[in-house]
Amino acid sequence: MQQKTEDTSIKRMAELLRRGATLTDLSCPACSSPLFRLQEGTLWCAKDEKKVIVIKEGEEPPKPTAEPSVNKGYDKLEATLLAKVQDIQGKIEQTQDIDELQKLTLALSELLNSLEKIKRMKT
């Protein structure tokens, strides 16, 4: 079983090299396997199949960021909510009914709260 795991790791390493990754002089802190630098600059452990982040002594670890697809989802949702805010703004300008105005301002408040939450999640 050990031999099969090592063979699989070696095959992954060979595939990384074929794809243009660079073998570095660094080793994985978890398994001591050599680390590869992918073309986009990410350090990768082929054995653990994980991204590795190197932090120098005294440095703060980077804050995790949302995946690009998640950010796109937030951007789309944010744009939709902004469009709804504009729709409600137009309705507020046109209405003379106090009850309708109260409903519209409540909806507007909820939309603005949602927009604020999305902005916090994106940062």
PDB file of N, CA and C in Angstrom:
ATOM      1  N   MET A   1       0.827  -1.194   0.000  1.00  0.00           N
ATOM      2  CA  MET A   1       0.000   0.000   0.000  1.00  0.00           C
ATOM      3  C   MET A   1       0.868   1.254   0.000  1.00  0.00           C
ATOM      4  N   GLN A   2       1.934   1.260   0.793  1.00  0.00           N
ATOM      5  CA  GLN A   2       2.870   2.379   0.872  1.00  0.00           C
ATOM      6  C   GLN A   2       3.478   2.670  -0.493  1.00  0.00           C
ATOM      7  N   GLN A   3       3.874   1.604  -1.211  1.00  0.00           N
ATOM      8  CA  GLN A   3       4.492   1.750  -2.517  1.00  0.00           C
ATOM      9  C   GLN A   3       3.518   2.385  -3.517  1.00  0.00           C
ATOM     10  N   LYS A   4       2.253   1.981  -3.452  1.00  0.00           N
ATOM     11  CA  LYS A   4       1.254   2.515  -4.371  1.00  0.00           C
ATOM     12  C   LYS A   4       1.040   4.011  -4.127  1.00  0.00           C
ATOM     13  N   THR A   5       1.018   4.428  -2.860  1.00  0.00           N
ATOM     14  CA  THR A   5       0.866   5.843  -2.512  1.00  0.00           C
ATOM     15  C   THR A   5       2.047   6.651  -3.022  1.00  0.00           C
ATOM     16  N   GLU A   6       3.259   6.121  -2.868  1.00  0.00           N
ATOM     17  CA  GLU A   6       4.451   6.817  -3.350  1.00  0.00           C
ATOM     18  C   GLU A   6       4.446   6.919  -4.872  1.00  0.00           C
ATOM     19  N   ASP A   7       4.036   5.837  -5.546  1.00  0.00           N
ATOM     20  CA  ASP A   7       3.950   5.864  -7.005  1.00  0.00           C
ATOM     21  C   ASP A   7       2.961   6.929  -7.478  1.00  0.00           C
ATOM     22  N   THR A   8       1.831   7.016  -6.793  1.00  0.00           N
ATOM     23  CA  THR A   8       0.829   8.015  -7.155  1.00  0.00           C
ATOM     24  C   THR A   8       1.389   9.418  -6.957  1.00  0.00           C
ATOM     25  N   SER A   9       2.091   9.655  -5.859  1.00  0.00           N
ATOM     26  CA  SER A   9       2.687  10.965  -5.599  1.00  0.00           C
ATOM     27  C   SER A   9       3.717  11.315  -6.663  1.00  0.00           C
ATOM     28  N   ILE A  10       4.533  10.353  -7.044  1.00  0.00           N
ATOM     29  CA  ILE A  10       5.559  10.589  -8.070  1.00  0.00           C
ATOM     30  C   ILE A  10       4.898  10.911  -9.408  1.00  0.00           C
ATOM     31  N   LYS A  11       3.817  10.200  -9.726  1.00  0.00           N
ATOM     32  CA  LYS A  11       3.102  10.491 -10.970  1.00  0.00           C
ATOM     33  C   LYS A  11       2.516  11.903 -10.955  1.00  0.00           C
ATOM     34  N   ARG A  12       1.985  12.323  -9.805  1.00  0.00           N
ATOM     35  CA  ARG A  12       1.456  13.691  -9.690  1.00  0.00           C
ATOM     36  C   ARG A  12       2.569  14.716  -9.878  1.00  0.00           C
ATOM     37  N   MET A  13       3.727  14.444  -9.283  1.00  0.00           N
ATOM     38  CA  MET A  13       4.863  15.358  -9.416  1.00  0.00           C
ATOM     39  C   MET A  13       5.303  15.461 -10.878  1.00  0.00           C
ATOM     40  N   ALA A  14       5.378  14.333 -11.550  1.00  0.00           N
ATOM     41  CA  ALA A  14       5.767  14.323 -12.967  1.00  0.00           C
ATOM     42  C   ALA A  14       4.751  15.109 -13.799  1.00  0.00           C
ATOM     43  N   GLU A  15       3.489  14.954 -13.487  1.00  0.00           N
ATOM     44  CA  GLU A  15       2.448  15.680 -14.223  1.00  0.00           C
ATOM     45  C   GLU A  15       2.563  17.184 -13.996  1.00  0.00           C
ATOM     46  N   LEU A  16       2.881  17.587 -12.763  1.00  0.00           N
ATOM     47  CA  LEU A  16       3.076  19.009 -12.487  1.00  0.00           C
ATOM     48  C   LEU A  16       4.226  19.572 -13.322  1.00  0.00           C
ATOM     49  N   LEU A  17       5.309  18.827 -13.400  1.00  0.00           N
ATOM     50  CA  LEU A  17       6.454  19.276 -14.199  1.00  0.00           C
ATOM     51  C   LEU A  17       6.075  19.377 -15.677  1.00  0.00           C
ATOM     52  N   ARG A  18       5.320  18.406 -16.177  1.00  0.00           N
ATOM     53  CA  ARG A  18       4.878  18.449 -17.580  1.00  0.00           C
ATOM     54  C   ARG A  18       4.013  19.666 -17.857  1.00  0.00           C
ATOM     55  N   ARG A  19       3.254  20.087 -16.874  1.00  0.00           N
ATOM     56  CA  ARG A  19       2.365  21.243 -17.033  1.00  0.00           C
ATOM     57  C   ARG A  19       3.082  22.575 -16.845  1.00  0.00           C
ATOM     58  N   GLY A  20       4.367  22.527 -16.540  1.00  0.00           N
ATOM     59  CA  GLY A  20       5.133  23.771 -16.427  1.00  0.00           C
ATOM     60  C   GLY A  20       5.433  24.229 -15.021  1.00  0.00           C
ATOM     61  N   ALA A  21       5.103  23.423 -14.023  1.00  0.00           N
ATOM     62  CA  ALA A  21       5.430  23.783 -12.639  1.00  0.00           C
ATOM     63  C   ALA A  21       6.934  23.654 -12.426  1.00  0.00           C
ATOM     64  N   THR A  22       7.430  24.358 -11.436  1.00  0.00           N
ATOM     65  CA  THR A  22       8.859  24.356 -11.125  1.00  0.00           C
ATOM     66  C   THR A  22       9.086  23.687  -9.771  1.00  0.00           C
ATOM     67  N   LEU A  23      10.043  22.784  -9.718  1.00  0.00           N
ATOM     68  CA  LEU A  23      10.422  22.158  -8.452  1.00  0.00           C
ATOM     69  C   LEU A  23      11.212  23.175  -7.644  1.00  0.00           C
ATOM     70  N   THR A  24      10.830  23.379  -6.392  1.00  0.00           N
ATOM     71  CA  THR A  24      11.519  24.348  -5.542  1.00  0.00           C
ATOM     72  C   THR A  24      12.436  23.628  -4.554  1.00  0.00           C
ATOM     73  N   ASP A  25      13.198  24.403  -3.799  1.00  0.00           N
ATOM     74  CA  ASP A  25      14.057  23.834  -2.760  1.00  0.00           C
ATOM     75  C   ASP A  25      13.328  23.766  -1.413  1.00  0.00           C
ATOM     76  N   LEU A  26      12.029  24.035  -1.417  1.00  0.00           N
ATOM     77  CA  LEU A  26      11.225  24.017  -0.203  1.00  0.00           C
ATOM     78  C   LEU A  26      10.552  22.666  -0.036  1.00  0.00           C
ATOM     79  N   SER A  27      10.201  22.333   1.203  1.00  0.00           N
ATOM     80  CA  SER A  27       9.482  21.085   1.446  1.00  0.00           C
ATOM     81  C   SER A  27       8.204  21.372   2.222  1.00  0.00           C
ATOM     82  N   CYS A  28       7.257  20.487   2.062  1.00  0.00           N
ATOM     83  CA  CYS A  28       5.958  20.627   2.714  1.00  0.00           C
ATOM     84  C   CYS A  28       6.125  20.507   4.229  1.00  0.00           C
ATOM     85  N   PRO A  29       5.551  21.438   4.986  1.00  0.00           N
ATOM     86  CA  PRO A  29       5.663  21.348   6.446  1.00  0.00           C
ATOM     87  C   PRO A  29       4.888  20.167   7.031  1.00  0.00           C
ATOM     88  N   ALA A  30       3.921  19.639   6.294  1.00  0.00           N
ATOM     89  CA  ALA A  30       3.114  18.532   6.812  1.00  0.00           C
ATOM     90  C   ALA A  30       3.720  17.172   6.505  1.00  0.00           C
ATOM     91  N   CYS A  31       4.273  16.990   5.274  1.00  0.00           N
ATOM     92  CA  CYS A  31       4.719  15.651   4.884  1.00  0.00           C
ATOM     93  C   CYS A  31       6.178  15.614   4.405  1.00  0.00           C
ATOM     94  N   SER A  32       6.828  16.758   4.357  1.00  0.00           N
ATOM     95  CA  SER A  32       8.237  16.894   3.932  1.00  0.00           C
ATOM     96  C   SER A  32       8.468  16.579   2.450  1.00  0.00           C
ATOM     97  N   SER A  33       7.413  16.485   1.677  1.00  0.00           N
ATOM     98  CA  SER A  33       7.530  16.263   0.236  1.00  0.00           C
ATOM     99  C   SER A  33       7.988  17.561  -0.429  1.00  0.00           C
ATOM    100  N   PRO A  34       8.705  17.475  -1.559  1.00  0.00           N
ATOM    101  CA  PRO A  34       9.134  18.708  -2.235  1.00  0.00           C
ATOM    102  C   PRO A  34       7.926  19.526  -2.707  1.00  0.00           C
ATOM    103  N   LEU A  35       8.080  20.843  -2.668  1.00  0.00           N
ATOM    104  CA  LEU A  35       7.018  21.735  -3.123  1.00  0.00           C
ATOM    105  C   LEU A  35       7.286  22.189  -4.546  1.00  0.00           C
ATOM    106  N   PHE A  36       6.219  22.416  -5.285  1.00  0.00           N
ATOM    107  CA  PHE A  36       6.281  22.887  -6.656  1.00  0.00           C
ATOM    108  C   PHE A  36       5.669  24.274  -6.734  1.00  0.00           C
ATOM    109  N   ARG A  37       6.228  25.115  -7.585  1.00  0.00           N
ATOM    110  CA  ARG A  37       5.649  26.426  -7.829  1.00  0.00           C
ATOM    111  C   ARG A  37       4.881  26.330  -9.136  1.00  0.00           C
ATOM    112  N   LEU A  38       3.564  26.514  -9.063  1.00  0.00           N
ATOM    113  CA  LEU A  38       2.729  26.465 -10.252  1.00  0.00           C
ATOM    114  C   LEU A  38       2.946  27.729 -11.082  1.00  0.00           C
ATOM    115  N   GLN A  39       2.493  27.721 -12.314  1.00  0.00           N
ATOM    116  CA  GLN A  39       2.738  28.841 -13.215  1.00  0.00           C
ATOM    117  C   GLN A  39       2.158  30.147 -12.703  1.00  0.00           C
ATOM    118  N   GLU A  40       1.058  30.096 -11.941  1.00  0.00           N
ATOM    119  CA  GLU A  40       0.486  31.340 -11.410  1.00  0.00           C
ATOM    120  C   GLU A  40       1.170  31.793 -10.126  1.00  0.00           C
ATOM    121  N   GLY A  41       2.192  31.020  -9.656  1.00  0.00           N
ATOM    122  CA  GLY A  41       2.979  31.428  -8.500  1.00  0.00           C
ATOM    123  C   GLY A  41       2.619  30.723  -7.200  1.00  0.00           C
ATOM    124  N   THR A  42       1.604  29.909  -7.196  1.00  0.00           N
ATOM    125  CA  THR A  42       1.173  29.195  -6.003  1.00  0.00           C
ATOM    126  C   THR A  42       2.123  28.043  -5.694  1.00  0.00           C
ATOM    127  N   LEU A  43       2.452  27.884  -4.407  1.00  0.00           N
ATOM    128  CA  LEU A  43       3.230  26.717  -3.984  1.00  0.00           C
ATOM    129  C   LEU A  43       2.267  25.555  -3.773  1.00  0.00           C
ATOM    130  N   TRP A  44       2.667  24.350  -4.245  1.00  0.00           N
ATOM    131  CA  TRP A  44       1.773  23.196  -4.232  1.00  0.00           C
ATOM    132  C   TRP A  44       2.497  21.955  -3.744  1.00  0.00           C
ATOM    133  N   CYS A  45       1.853  21.206  -2.862  1.00  0.00           N
ATOM    134  CA  CYS A  45       2.362  19.908  -2.420  1.00  0.00           C
ATOM    135  C   CYS A  45       1.640  18.840  -3.224  1.00  0.00           C
ATOM    136  N   ALA A  46       2.395  18.101  -4.046  1.00  0.00           N
ATOM    137  CA  ALA A  46       1.795  17.069  -4.896  1.00  0.00           C
ATOM    138  C   ALA A  46       1.317  15.878  -4.070  1.00  0.00           C
ATOM    139  N   LYS A  47       2.019  15.569  -3.004  1.00  0.00           N
ATOM    140  CA  LYS A  47       1.648  14.416  -2.190  1.00  0.00           C
ATOM    141  C   LYS A  47       0.332  14.661  -1.450  1.00  0.00           C
ATOM    142  N   ASP A  48       0.210  15.816  -0.827  1.00  0.00           N
ATOM    143  CA  ASP A  48      -1.005  16.152  -0.083  1.00  0.00           C
ATOM    144  C   ASP A  48      -2.087  16.767  -0.971  1.00  0.00           C
ATOM    145  N   GLU A  49      -1.698  17.153  -2.174  1.00  0.00           N
ATOM    146  CA  GLU A  49      -2.599  17.828  -3.114  1.00  0.00           C
ATOM    147  C   GLU A  49      -3.230  19.064  -2.482  1.00  0.00           C
ATOM    148  N   LYS A  50      -2.359  19.908  -1.924  1.00  0.00           N
ATOM    149  CA  LYS A  50      -2.816  21.128  -1.260  1.00  0.00           C
ATOM    150  C   LYS A  50      -1.903  22.294  -1.586  1.00  0.00           C
ATOM    151  N   LYS A  51      -2.489  23.482  -1.536  1.00  0.00           N
ATOM    152  CA  LYS A  51      -1.724  24.716  -1.661  1.00  0.00           C
ATOM    153  C   LYS A  51      -0.976  24.943  -0.350  1.00  0.00           C
ATOM    154  N   VAL A  52       0.251  25.447  -0.452  1.00  0.00           N
ATOM    155  CA  VAL A  52       1.063  25.717   0.733  1.00  0.00           C
ATOM    156  C   VAL A  52       1.395  27.202   0.741  1.00  0.00           C
ATOM    157  N   ILE A  53       1.234  27.832   1.893  1.00  0.00           N
ATOM    158  CA  ILE A  53       1.557  29.250   2.043  1.00  0.00           C
ATOM    159  C   ILE A  53       2.756  29.360   2.968  1.00  0.00           C
ATOM    160  N   VAL A  54       3.797  30.028   2.502  1.00  0.00           N
ATOM    161  CA  VAL A  54       5.007  30.216   3.301  1.00  0.00           C
ATOM    162  C   VAL A  54       4.911  31.575   3.983  1.00  0.00           C
ATOM    163  N   ILE A  55       5.087  31.562   5.301  1.00  0.00           N
ATOM    164  CA  ILE A  55       5.043  32.789   6.080  1.00  0.00           C
ATOM    165  C   ILE A  55       6.386  32.942   6.777  1.00  0.00           C
ATOM    166  N   LYS A  56       7.036  34.068   6.531  1.00  0.00           N
ATOM    167  CA  LYS A  56       8.317  34.332   7.176  1.00  0.00           C
ATOM    168  C   LYS A  56       8.084  34.745   8.621  1.00  0.00           C
ATOM    169  N   GLU A  57       9.073  34.488   9.450  1.00  0.00           N
ATOM    170  CA  GLU A  57       8.965  34.806  10.866  1.00  0.00           C
ATOM    171  C   GLU A  57       8.673  36.292  11.045  1.00  0.00           C
ATOM    172  N   GLY A  58       7.674  36.597  11.856  1.00  0.00           N
ATOM    173  CA  GLY A  58       7.300  37.971  12.128  1.00  0.00           C
ATOM    174  C   GLY A  58       6.230  38.508  11.187  1.00  0.00           C
ATOM    175  N   GLU A  59       5.931  37.789  10.111  1.00  0.00           N
ATOM    176  CA  GLU A  59       4.898  38.233   9.173  1.00  0.00           C
ATOM    177  C   GLU A  59       3.534  37.727   9.627  1.00  0.00           C
ATOM    178  N   GLU A  60       2.508  38.451   9.247  1.00  0.00           N
ATOM    179  CA  GLU A  60       1.135  38.031   9.506  1.00  0.00           C
ATOM    180  C   GLU A  60       0.679  37.130   8.372  1.00  0.00           C
ATOM    181  N   PRO A  61      -0.055  36.065   8.673  1.00  0.00           N
ATOM    182  CA  PRO A  61      -0.588  35.227   7.595  1.00  0.00           C
ATOM    183  C   PRO A  61      -1.592  36.012   6.762  1.00  0.00           C
ATOM    184  N   PRO A  62      -1.658  35.741   5.462  1.00  0.00           N
ATOM    185  CA  PRO A  62      -2.609  36.468   4.630  1.00  0.00           C
ATOM    186  C   PRO A  62      -4.041  36.115   4.996  1.00  0.00           C
ATOM    187  N   LYS A  63      -4.919  37.089   4.846  1.00  0.00           N
ATOM    188  CA  LYS A  63      -6.332  36.844   5.119  1.00  0.00           C
ATOM    189  C   LYS A  63      -6.896  35.982   3.997  1.00  0.00           C
ATOM    190  N   PRO A  64      -7.726  35.008   4.349  1.00  0.00           N
ATOM    191  CA  PRO A  64      -8.332  34.201   3.291  1.00  0.00           C
ATOM    192  C   PRO A  64      -9.282  35.051   2.465  1.00  0.00           C
ATOM    193  N   THR A  65      -9.252  34.833   1.180  1.00  0.00           N
ATOM    194  CA  THR A  65     -10.129  35.571   0.291  1.00  0.00           C
ATOM    195  C   THR A  65     -11.140  34.613  -0.299  1.00  0.00           C
ATOM    196  N   ALA A  66     -12.236  35.165  -0.672  1.00  0.00           N
ATOM    197  CA  ALA A  66     -13.255  34.342  -1.301  1.00  0.00           C
ATOM    198  C   ALA A  66     -12.798  33.921  -2.678  1.00  0.00           C
ATOM    199  N   GLU A  67     -13.297  32.772  -3.086  1.00  0.00           N
ATOM    200  CA  GLU A  67     -12.979  32.273  -4.418  1.00  0.00           C
ATOM    201  C   GLU A  67     -13.548  33.220  -5.461  1.00  0.00           C
ATOM    202  N   PRO A  68     -12.907  33.315  -6.645  1.00  0.00           N
ATOM    203  CA  PRO A  68     -13.411  34.203  -7.690  1.00  0.00           C
ATOM    204  C   PRO A  68     -14.864  33.944  -8.065  1.00  0.00           C
ATOM    205  N   SER A  69     -15.268  32.684  -8.110  1.00  0.00           N
ATOM    206  CA  SER A  69     -16.655  32.403  -8.478  1.00  0.00           C
ATOM    207  C   SER A  69     -17.615  32.920  -7.422  1.00  0.00           C
ATOM    208  N   VAL A  70     -17.186  32.892  -6.159  1.00  0.00           N
ATOM    209  CA  VAL A  70     -18.014  33.424  -5.084  1.00  0.00           C
ATOM    210  C   VAL A  70     -18.116  34.933  -5.223  1.00  0.00           C
ATOM    211  N   ASN A  71     -16.976  35.594  -5.519  1.00  0.00           N
ATOM    212  CA  ASN A  71     -17.005  37.040  -5.710  1.00  0.00           C
ATOM    213  C   ASN A  71     -17.895  37.429  -6.877  1.00  0.00           C
ATOM    214  N   LYS A  72     -17.879  36.641  -7.954  1.00  0.00           N
ATOM    215  CA  LYS A  72     -18.758  36.930  -9.084  1.00  0.00           C
ATOM    216  C   LYS A  72     -20.217  36.834  -8.662  1.00  0.00           C
ATOM    217  N   GLY A  73     -20.526  35.845  -7.825  1.00  0.00           N
ATOM    218  CA  GLY A  73     -21.886  35.706  -7.321  1.00  0.00           C
ATOM    219  C   GLY A  73     -22.289  36.900  -6.482  1.00  0.00           C
ATOM    220  N   TYR A  74     -21.380  37.369  -5.627  1.00  0.00           N
ATOM    221  CA  TYR A  74     -21.651  38.551  -4.818  1.00  0.00           C
ATOM    222  C   TYR A  74     -21.829  39.771  -5.711  1.00  0.00           C
ATOM    223  N   ASP A  75     -20.994  39.906  -6.735  1.00  0.00           N
ATOM    224  CA  ASP A  75     -21.092  41.053  -7.638  1.00  0.00           C
ATOM    225  C   ASP A  75     -22.436  41.059  -8.356  1.00  0.00           C
ATOM    226  N   LYS A  76     -22.862  39.892  -8.800  1.00  0.00           N
ATOM    227  CA  LYS A  76     -24.148  39.796  -9.505  1.00  0.00           C
ATOM    228  C   LYS A  76     -25.299  40.123  -8.564  1.00  0.00           C
ATOM    229  N   LEU A  77     -25.244  39.580  -7.349  1.00  0.00           N
ATOM    230  CA  LEU A  77     -26.282  39.857  -6.364  1.00  0.00           C
ATOM    231  C   LEU A  77     -26.303  41.338  -6.012  1.00  0.00           C
ATOM    232  N   GLU A  78     -25.128  41.925  -5.856  1.00  0.00           N
ATOM    233  CA  GLU A  78     -25.034  43.344  -5.536  1.00  0.00           C
ATOM    234  C   GLU A  78     -25.659  44.191  -6.647  1.00  0.00           C
ATOM    235  N   ALA A  79     -25.378  43.855  -7.903  1.00  0.00           N
ATOM    236  CA  ALA A  79     -25.946  44.593  -9.033  1.00  0.00           C
ATOM    237  C   ALA A  79     -27.470  44.459  -9.063  1.00  0.00           C
ATOM    238  N   THR A  80     -27.967  43.264  -8.771  1.00  0.00           N
ATOM    239  CA  THR A  80     -29.415  43.047  -8.745  1.00  0.00           C
ATOM    240  C   THR A  80     -30.065  43.887  -7.653  1.00  0.00           C
ATOM    241  N   LEU A  81     -29.462  43.886  -6.472  1.00  0.00           N
ATOM    242  CA  LEU A  81     -30.021  44.664  -5.366  1.00  0.00           C
ATOM    243  C   LEU A  81     -29.984  46.161  -5.659  1.00  0.00           C
ATOM    244  N   LEU A  82     -28.911  46.631  -6.289  1.00  0.00           N
ATOM    245  CA  LEU A  82     -28.827  48.048  -6.649  1.00  0.00           C
ATOM    246  C   LEU A  82     -29.921  48.420  -7.645  1.00  0.00           C
ATOM    247  N   ALA A  83     -30.211  47.523  -8.580  1.00  0.00           N
ATOM    248  CA  ALA A  83     -31.291  47.782  -9.542  1.00  0.00           C
ATOM    249  C   ALA A  83     -32.635  47.873  -8.816  1.00  0.00           C
ATOM    250  N   LYS A  84     -32.834  47.001  -7.826  1.00  0.00           N
ATOM    251  CA  LYS A  84     -34.077  47.035  -7.050  1.00  0.00           C
ATOM    252  C   LYS A  84     -34.185  48.316  -6.234  1.00  0.00           C
ATOM    253  N   VAL A  85     -33.058  48.781  -5.711  1.00  0.00           N
ATOM    254  CA  VAL A  85     -33.048  50.046  -4.966  1.00  0.00           C
ATOM    255  C   VAL A  85     -33.503  51.178  -5.881  1.00  0.00           C
ATOM    256  N   GLN A  86     -33.004  51.187  -7.099  1.00  0.00           N
ATOM    257  CA  GLN A  86     -33.412  52.231  -8.044  1.00  0.00           C
ATOM    258  C   GLN A  86     -34.897  52.130  -8.385  1.00  0.00           C
ATOM    259  N   ASP A  87     -35.390  50.891  -8.544  1.00  0.00           N
ATOM    260  CA  ASP A  87     -36.822  50.702  -8.818  1.00  0.00           C
ATOM    261  C   ASP A  87     -37.665  51.269  -7.675  1.00  0.00           C
ATOM    262  N   ILE A  88     -37.282  50.947  -6.458  1.00  0.00           N
ATOM    263  CA  ILE A  88     -38.040  51.419  -5.294  1.00  0.00           C
ATOM    264  C   ILE A  88     -37.941  52.932  -5.174  1.00  0.00           C
ATOM    265  N   GLN A  89     -36.781  53.472  -5.482  1.00  0.00           N
ATOM    266  CA  GLN A  89     -36.622  54.928  -5.424  1.00  0.00           C
ATOM    267  C   GLN A  89     -37.620  55.607  -6.368  1.00  0.00           C
ATOM    268  N   GLY A  90     -37.746  55.061  -7.576  1.00  0.00           N
ATOM    269  CA  GLY A  90     -38.711  55.620  -8.524  1.00  0.00           C
ATOM    270  C   GLY A  90     -40.140  55.523  -8.013  1.00  0.00           C
ATOM    271  N   LYS A  91     -40.472  54.403  -7.392  1.00  0.00           N
ATOM    272  CA  LYS A  91     -41.828  54.228  -6.848  1.00  0.00           C
ATOM    273  C   LYS A  91     -42.076  55.173  -5.677  1.00  0.00           C
ATOM    274  N   ILE A  92     -41.056  55.400  -4.857  1.00  0.00           N
ATOM    275  CA  ILE A  92     -41.202  56.328  -3.723  1.00  0.00           C
ATOM    276  C   ILE A  92     -41.485  57.736  -4.237  1.00  0.00           C
ATOM    277  N   GLU A  93     -40.793  58.134  -5.290  1.00  0.00           N
ATOM    278  CA  GLU A  93     -40.995  59.473  -5.855  1.00  0.00           C
ATOM    279  C   GLU A  93     -42.413  59.645  -6.392  1.00  0.00           C
ATOM    280  N   GLN A  94     -43.032  58.573  -6.887  1.00  0.00           N
ATOM    281  CA  GLN A  94     -44.341  58.674  -7.534  1.00  0.00           C
ATOM    282  C   GLN A  94     -45.520  58.479  -6.588  1.00  0.00           C
ATOM    283  N   THR A  95     -45.303  57.813  -5.468  1.00  0.00           N
ATOM    284  CA  THR A  95     -46.446  57.471  -4.611  1.00  0.00           C
ATOM    285  C   THR A  95     -46.903  58.647  -3.750  1.00  0.00           C
ATOM    286  N   GLN A  96     -48.202  58.665  -3.528  1.00  0.00           N
ATOM    287  CA  GLN A  96     -48.814  59.650  -2.632  1.00  0.00           C
ATOM    288  C   GLN A  96     -49.448  58.951  -1.426  1.00  0.00           C
ATOM    289  N   ASP A  97     -49.557  57.628  -1.513  1.00  0.00           N
ATOM    290  CA  ASP A  97     -50.189  56.826  -0.474  1.00  0.00           C
ATOM    291  C   ASP A  97     -49.193  56.568   0.665  1.00  0.00           C
ATOM    292  N   ILE A  98     -49.567  56.949   1.869  1.00  0.00           N
ATOM    293  CA  ILE A  98     -48.690  56.817   3.035  1.00  0.00           C
ATOM    294  C   ILE A  98     -48.404  55.347   3.342  1.00  0.00           C
ATOM    295  N   ASP A  99     -49.405  54.484   3.252  1.00  0.00           N
ATOM    296  CA  ASP A  99     -49.185  53.062   3.520  1.00  0.00           C
ATOM    297  C   ASP A  99     -48.208  52.454   2.510  1.00  0.00           C
ATOM    298  N   GLU A 100     -48.383  52.816   1.261  1.00  0.00           N
ATOM    299  CA  GLU A 100     -47.473  52.334   0.204  1.00  0.00           C
ATOM    300  C   GLU A 100     -46.058  52.866   0.443  1.00  0.00           C
ATOM    301  N   LEU A 101     -45.971  54.131   0.837  1.00  0.00           N
ATOM    302  CA  LEU A 101     -44.664  54.734   1.120  1.00  0.00           C
ATOM    303  C   LEU A 101     -43.963  54.013   2.265  1.00  0.00           C
ATOM    304  N   GLN A 102     -44.727  53.637   3.283  1.00  0.00           N
ATOM    305  CA  GLN A 102     -44.164  52.911   4.419  1.00  0.00           C
ATOM    306  C   GLN A 102     -43.635  51.543   3.976  1.00  0.00           C
ATOM    307  N   LYS A 103     -44.389  50.831   3.148  1.00  0.00           N
ATOM    308  CA  LYS A 103     -43.941  49.532   2.631  1.00  0.00           C
ATOM    309  C   LYS A 103     -42.680  49.677   1.785  1.00  0.00           C
ATOM    310  N   LEU A 104     -42.656  50.702   0.953  1.00  0.00           N
ATOM    311  CA  LEU A 104     -41.491  50.909   0.077  1.00  0.00           C
ATOM    312  C   LEU A 104     -40.238  51.258   0.877  1.00  0.00           C
ATOM    313  N   THR A 105     -40.390  52.104   1.885  1.00  0.00           N
ATOM    314  CA  THR A 105     -39.210  52.467   2.687  1.00  0.00           C
ATOM    315  C   THR A 105     -38.707  51.290   3.504  1.00  0.00           C
ATOM    316  N   LEU A 106     -39.602  50.436   3.956  1.00  0.00           N
ATOM    317  CA  LEU A 106     -39.195  49.227   4.675  1.00  0.00           C
ATOM    318  C   LEU A 106     -38.411  48.300   3.736  1.00  0.00           C
ATOM    319  N   ALA A 107     -38.916  48.127   2.522  1.00  0.00           N
ATOM    320  CA  ALA A 107     -38.227  47.295   1.534  1.00  0.00           C
ATOM    321  C   ALA A 107     -36.867  47.901   1.182  1.00  0.00           C
ATOM    322  N   LEU A 108     -36.837  49.223   1.038  1.00  0.00           N
ATOM    323  CA  LEU A 108     -35.577  49.902   0.732  1.00  0.00           C
ATOM    324  C   LEU A 108     -34.561  49.705   1.851  1.00  0.00           C
ATOM    325  N   SER A 109     -35.010  49.790   3.082  1.00  0.00           N
ATOM    326  CA  SER A 109     -34.127  49.586   4.229  1.00  0.00           C
ATOM    327  C   SER A 109     -33.540  48.178   4.228  1.00  0.00           C
ATOM    328  N   GLU A 110     -34.363  47.186   3.944  1.00  0.00           N
ATOM    329  CA  GLU A 110     -33.888  45.797   3.890  1.00  0.00           C
ATOM    330  C   GLU A 110     -32.872  45.605   2.760  1.00  0.00           C
ATOM    331  N   LEU A 111     -33.148  46.209   1.618  1.00  0.00           N
ATOM    332  CA  LEU A 111     -32.199  46.106   0.494  1.00  0.00           C
ATOM    333  C   LEU A 111     -30.853  46.739   0.852  1.00  0.00           C
ATOM    334  N   LEU A 112     -30.896  47.895   1.485  1.00  0.00           N
ATOM    335  CA  LEU A 112     -29.655  48.577   1.859  1.00  0.00           C
ATOM    336  C   LEU A 112     -28.877  47.771   2.903  1.00  0.00           C
ATOM    337  N   ASN A 113     -29.582  47.135   3.830  1.00  0.00           N
ATOM    338  CA  ASN A 113     -28.916  46.265   4.810  1.00  0.00           C
ATOM    339  C   ASN A 113     -28.249  45.085   4.111  1.00  0.00           C
ATOM    340  N   SER A 114     -28.942  44.521   3.143  1.00  0.00           N
ATOM    341  CA  SER A 114     -28.371  43.400   2.391  1.00  0.00           C
ATOM    342  C   SER A 114     -27.137  43.837   1.603  1.00  0.00           C
ATOM    343  N   LEU A 115     -27.190  44.999   1.005  1.00  0.00           N
ATOM    344  CA  LEU A 115     -26.032  45.514   0.267  1.00  0.00           C
ATOM    345  C   LEU A 115     -24.825  45.708   1.193  1.00  0.00           C
ATOM    346  N   GLU A 116     -25.094  46.214   2.383  1.00  0.00           N
ATOM    347  CA  GLU A 116     -24.014  46.413   3.360  1.00  0.00           C
ATOM    348  C   GLU A 116     -23.390  45.078   3.755  1.00  0.00           C
ATOM    349  N   LYS A 117     -24.208  44.055   3.954  1.00  0.00           N
ATOM    350  CA  LYS A 117     -23.697  42.719   4.299  1.00  0.00           C
ATOM    351  C   LYS A 117     -22.833  42.157   3.174  1.00  0.00           C
ATOM    352  N   ILE A 118     -23.268  42.344   1.941  1.00  0.00           N
ATOM    353  CA  ILE A 118     -22.492  41.842   0.797  1.00  0.00           C
ATOM    354  C   ILE A 118     -21.140  42.535   0.738  1.00  0.00           C
ATOM    355  N   LYS A 119     -21.117  43.839   0.944  1.00  0.00           N
ATOM    356  CA  LYS A 119     -19.847  44.579   0.917  1.00  0.00           C
ATOM    357  C   LYS A 119     -18.890  44.068   2.002  1.00  0.00           C
ATOM    358  N   ARG A 120     -19.433  43.769   3.182  1.00  0.00           N
ATOM    359  CA  ARG A 120     -18.588  43.244   4.265  1.00  0.00           C
ATOM    360  C   ARG A 120     -18.061  41.854   3.903  1.00  0.00           C
ATOM    361  N   MET A 121     -18.871  41.046   3.263  1.00  0.00           N
ATOM    362  CA  MET A 121     -18.453  39.690   2.904  1.00  0.00           C
ATOM    363  C   MET A 121     -17.383  39.694   1.818  1.00  0.00           C
ATOM    364  N   LYS A 122     -17.414  40.698   0.957  1.00  0.00           N
ATOM    365  CA  LYS A 122     -16.443  40.776  -0.131  1.00  0.00           C
ATOM    366  C   LYS A 122     -15.060  41.215   0.346  1.00  0.00           C
ATOM    367  N   THR A 123     -15.002  41.869   1.493  1.00  0.00           N
ATOM    368  CA  THR A 123     -13.696  42.349   1.990  1.00  0.00           C
ATOM    369  C   THR A 123     -13.077  41.380   2.946  1.00  0.00           C
TER     370      THR A 123
END
